[in-house]
Amino acid sequence: MNMRRATLASLLLGFFVALPAVAQTPPPTHIGVVNIGKVFNSMQEVVEIKAKLEADNKALQTEAQAHKAELVNLQQQRDNGPKPDTAQWDEATQNLEKLTVKYEEELKLAQLDLARSQSRELKHTFDKIEAATGDIAKAKGLDIVITEVKPEFPKNAQDVTPENIQAMIGQRNLLYVSPTVDITDAVTAALDAQYKAAAK
């Protein structure tokens, strides 16, 4: 009887000792991958933002060229008008200088404002990508989403310096990604759907 009790106690002790080892086994980690560069360049919202920024930059260049043409015209009028060392010459020169400084300041302020607007748009877009990635990761039961950095090599590698090729190789952080863990297209589709819905 004592032998049975001892055996039973030994078995129970072994069972309870083994329990913590079983309980401590971590669950598998589910990983997803997103190529942010591909998402960013494929988003319909970004396509329209880029078109707007290009139009704004072009308008700024057109305005700068118009100011330059006006200044050239005023300089020609001065040069063909009063003689140097006269009050009229000095007045025309002073007006030309004031207008030059004014246009330079206006252009610089406009460029700063445009750059600030571009930075705000880019940050806002990244926030959307991050949020959409989180939503899809939760829906798919992913624990971690890794950003894939994958610069594209030029078609004619011989036209690129070895240093540039080496730099591009060094930028790649993943050598292989299974399509089953790549959620890049899903993130892009979700963002386009959100943008389309918001535009209605």
Protein backbone atom coordinates (compact mmCIF):
# COMPACT_ATOMS: atom_id res chain seq x y z
CA MET A 1 0.00 0.00 0.00
CA ASN A 2 2.82 2.32 0.93
CA MET A 3 4.53 1.44 -2.35
CA ARG A 4 1.44 2.45 -4.31
CA ARG A 5 1.18 5.72 -2.45
CA ALA A 6 4.85 6.44 -3.01
CA THR A 7 4.52 5.66 -6.72
CA LEU A 8 1.39 7.82 -7.01
CA ALA A 9 3.06 10.68 -5.16
CA SER A 10 6.09 10.38 -7.39
CA LEU A 11 3.95 10.50 -10.53
CA LEU A 12 1.98 13.50 -9.27
CA LEU A 13 5.16 15.30 -8.31
CA GLY A 14 6.59 14.69 -11.78
CA PHE A 15 3.38 15.92 -13.37
CA PHE A 16 3.32 19.18 -11.44
CA VAL A 17 7.04 19.73 -12.00
CA ALA A 18 6.48 19.32 -15.75
CA LEU A 19 3.56 21.78 -15.81
CA PRO A 20 5.64 24.98 -15.61
CA ALA A 21 7.78 23.80 -18.51
CA VAL A 22 4.65 23.29 -20.64
CA ALA A 23 3.14 26.60 -19.54
CA GLN A 24 6.32 28.50 -20.34
CA THR A 25 6.37 27.44 -24.00
CA PRO A 26 5.72 30.70 -25.90
CA PRO A 27 3.14 30.75 -28.69
CA PRO A 28 4.46 31.14 -32.25
CA THR A 29 5.03 34.69 -33.47
CA HIS A 30 3.14 35.66 -36.62
CA ILE A 31 5.02 38.07 -38.85
CA GLY A 32 3.92 40.22 -41.76
CA VAL A 33 5.92 42.34 -44.21
CA VAL A 34 5.07 45.68 -45.83
CA ASN A 35 7.09 47.51 -48.47
CA ILE A 36 6.30 51.10 -47.44
CA GLY A 37 7.99 52.55 -50.51
CA LYS A 38 5.76 50.50 -52.79
CA VAL A 39 2.64 51.40 -50.79
CA PHE A 40 3.55 55.08 -50.79
CA ASN A 41 4.18 55.24 -54.54
CA SER A 42 1.06 53.20 -55.38
CA MET A 43 -1.50 55.04 -53.24
CA GLN A 44 -4.06 57.02 -55.24
CA GLU A 45 -3.92 59.80 -52.65
CA VAL A 46 -0.15 60.12 -53.07
CA VAL A 47 -0.49 60.16 -56.86
CA GLU A 48 -2.82 63.16 -56.55
CA ILE A 49 -0.65 64.82 -53.90
CA LYS A 50 2.40 64.51 -56.18
CA ALA A 51 0.44 66.01 -59.09
CA LYS A 52 -0.65 68.94 -56.91
CA LEU A 53 2.87 69.51 -55.60
CA GLU A 54 4.23 69.44 -59.13
CA ALA A 55 1.61 71.99 -60.20
CA ASP A 56 2.44 74.21 -57.21
CA ASN A 57 6.17 74.05 -57.97
CA LYS A 58 5.51 74.86 -61.61
CA ALA A 59 3.34 77.84 -60.66
CA LEU A 60 6.08 79.08 -58.36
CA GLN A 61 8.67 78.79 -61.13
CA THR A 62 6.37 80.62 -63.55
CA GLU A 63 5.90 83.45 -61.06
CA ALA A 64 9.66 83.64 -60.46
CA GLN A 65 10.30 83.85 -64.22
CA ALA A 66 7.69 86.62 -64.57
CA HIS A 67 9.38 88.60 -61.77
CA LYS A 68 12.76 88.10 -63.39
CA ALA A 69 11.43 89.34 -66.74
CA GLU A 70 9.92 92.40 -65.03
CA LEU A 71 13.24 93.21 -63.33
CA VAL A 72 15.13 92.84 -66.61
CA ASN A 73 12.65 95.17 -68.28
CA LEU A 74 13.00 97.77 -65.52
CA GLN A 75 16.78 97.58 -65.71
CA GLN A 76 16.66 98.12 -69.48
CA GLN A 77 14.37 101.12 -68.99
CA ARG A 78 16.80 102.60 -66.48
CA ASP A 79 19.82 101.91 -68.68
CA ASN A 80 18.09 103.51 -71.69
CA GLY A 81 16.67 106.40 -69.67
CA PRO A 82 18.40 108.86 -67.39
CA LYS A 83 22.13 109.25 -67.39
CA PRO A 84 24.22 107.75 -64.59
CA ASP A 85 25.13 110.02 -61.68
CA THR A 86 21.75 111.75 -61.85
CA ALA A 87 18.91 111.78 -59.32
CA GLN A 88 16.64 109.96 -61.77
CA TRP A 89 19.24 107.20 -62.26
CA ASP A 90 19.68 106.78 -58.53
CA GLU A 91 15.91 106.66 -57.99
CA ALA A 92 15.45 104.06 -60.74
CA THR A 93 18.31 102.00 -59.31
CA GLN A 94 16.88 102.18 -55.81
CA ASN A 95 13.43 101.10 -57.02
CA LEU A 96 15.01 98.23 -58.95
CA GLU A 97 16.95 97.09 -55.89
CA LYS A 98 13.88 97.30 -53.63
CA LEU A 99 11.81 95.29 -56.07
CA THR A 100 14.59 92.70 -56.45
CA VAL A 101 14.82 92.22 -52.68
CA LYS A 102 11.02 92.07 -52.40
CA TYR A 103 10.68 89.38 -55.06
CA GLU A 104 13.56 87.37 -53.57
CA GLU A 105 11.93 87.44 -50.13
CA GLU A 106 8.51 86.53 -51.55
CA LEU A 107 10.03 83.61 -53.47
CA LYS A 108 11.92 82.35 -50.42
CA LEU A 109 8.81 82.57 -48.22
CA ALA A 110 6.72 80.79 -50.84
CA GLN A 111 9.33 78.01 -51.12
CA LEU A 112 9.42 77.60 -47.33
CA ASP A 113 5.62 77.48 -47.18
CA LEU A 114 5.50 74.91 -49.98
CA ALA A 115 8.17 72.75 -48.29
CA ARG A 116 6.28 72.93 -45.00
CA SER A 117 3.08 71.88 -46.74
CA GLN A 118 4.87 68.98 -48.45
CA SER A 119 6.36 67.79 -45.15
CA ARG A 120 2.95 67.92 -43.49
CA GLU A 121 1.38 65.93 -46.34
CA LEU A 122 4.12 63.27 -46.23
CA LYS A 123 3.87 62.85 -42.45
CA HIS A 124 0.08 62.65 -42.64
CA THR A 125 0.33 60.02 -45.37
CA PHE A 126 2.78 57.93 -43.34
CA ASP A 127 0.42 58.08 -40.34
CA LYS A 128 -2.33 56.65 -42.56
CA ILE A 129 -0.05 53.86 -43.81
CA GLU A 130 0.93 52.99 -40.25
CA ALA A 131 -2.70 52.93 -39.08
CA ALA A 132 -3.88 50.81 -42.03
CA THR A 133 -0.99 48.38 -41.49
CA GLY A 134 -1.99 48.02 -37.84
CA ASP A 135 -5.63 47.35 -38.74
CA ILE A 136 -4.74 44.66 -41.28
CA ALA A 137 -2.18 43.10 -38.93
CA LYS A 138 -4.82 42.79 -36.19
CA ALA A 139 -7.34 41.34 -38.63
CA LYS A 140 -4.82 38.74 -39.81
CA GLY A 141 -3.59 37.94 -36.30
CA LEU A 142 -0.07 39.25 -36.91
CA ASP A 143 2.18 40.10 -33.99
CA ILE A 144 4.89 41.99 -35.88
CA VAL A 145 4.98 43.78 -39.23
CA ILE A 146 8.43 44.39 -40.70
CA THR A 147 9.19 47.12 -43.20
CA GLU A 148 10.77 45.80 -46.36
CA VAL A 149 13.42 48.03 -47.90
CA LYS A 150 14.05 46.92 -51.46
CA PRO A 151 15.74 49.45 -53.78
CA GLU A 152 15.41 48.43 -57.40
CA PHE A 153 18.61 47.75 -59.27
CA PRO A 154 19.01 49.48 -62.65
CA LYS A 155 18.50 47.34 -65.73
CA ASN A 156 22.04 48.07 -66.88
CA ALA A 157 24.11 47.42 -63.76
CA GLN A 158 27.31 48.08 -65.68
CA ASP A 159 26.30 51.75 -65.97
CA VAL A 160 26.33 52.12 -62.17
CA THR A 161 29.46 52.43 -60.08
CA PRO A 162 30.42 49.49 -57.83
CA GLU A 163 30.05 51.82 -54.82
CA ASN A 164 26.42 52.57 -55.74
CA ILE A 165 25.62 48.89 -56.27
CA GLN A 166 27.20 48.08 -52.91
CA ALA A 167 25.16 50.82 -51.25
CA MET A 168 21.93 49.47 -52.78
CA ILE A 169 22.78 45.96 -51.60
CA GLY A 170 23.43 47.31 -48.11
CA GLN A 171 20.03 49.01 -48.06
CA ARG A 172 18.13 45.76 -48.57
CA ASN A 173 16.94 44.40 -45.23
CA LEU A 174 15.15 41.25 -46.48
CA LEU A 175 16.41 38.80 -49.07
CA TYR A 176 13.27 36.71 -49.36
CA VAL A 177 9.63 37.32 -48.46
CA SER A 178 6.94 34.71 -48.89
CA PRO A 179 3.76 36.03 -50.57
CA THR A 180 1.82 34.58 -47.65
CA VAL A 181 3.31 37.13 -45.23
CA ASP A 182 3.49 40.11 -47.62
CA ILE A 183 0.54 42.43 -46.87
CA THR A 184 1.76 45.32 -49.05
CA ASP A 185 -1.07 45.05 -51.60
CA ALA A 186 -3.66 44.65 -48.85
CA VAL A 187 -2.46 47.84 -47.15
CA THR A 188 -2.50 49.75 -50.45
CA ALA A 189 -6.01 48.53 -51.27
CA ALA A 190 -7.28 49.50 -47.82
CA LEU A 191 -5.80 53.00 -48.10
CA ASP A 192 -7.26 53.53 -51.59
CA ALA A 193 -10.66 52.39 -50.35
CA GLN A 194 -10.48 54.82 -47.42
CA TYR A 195 -9.45 57.66 -49.71
CA LYS A 196 -12.22 56.90 -52.18
CA ALA A 197 -14.81 56.76 -49.40
CA ALA A 198 -13.61 60.06 -47.91
CA ALA A 199 -13.81 61.76 -51.32
CA LYS A 200 -17.54 61.03 -51.65
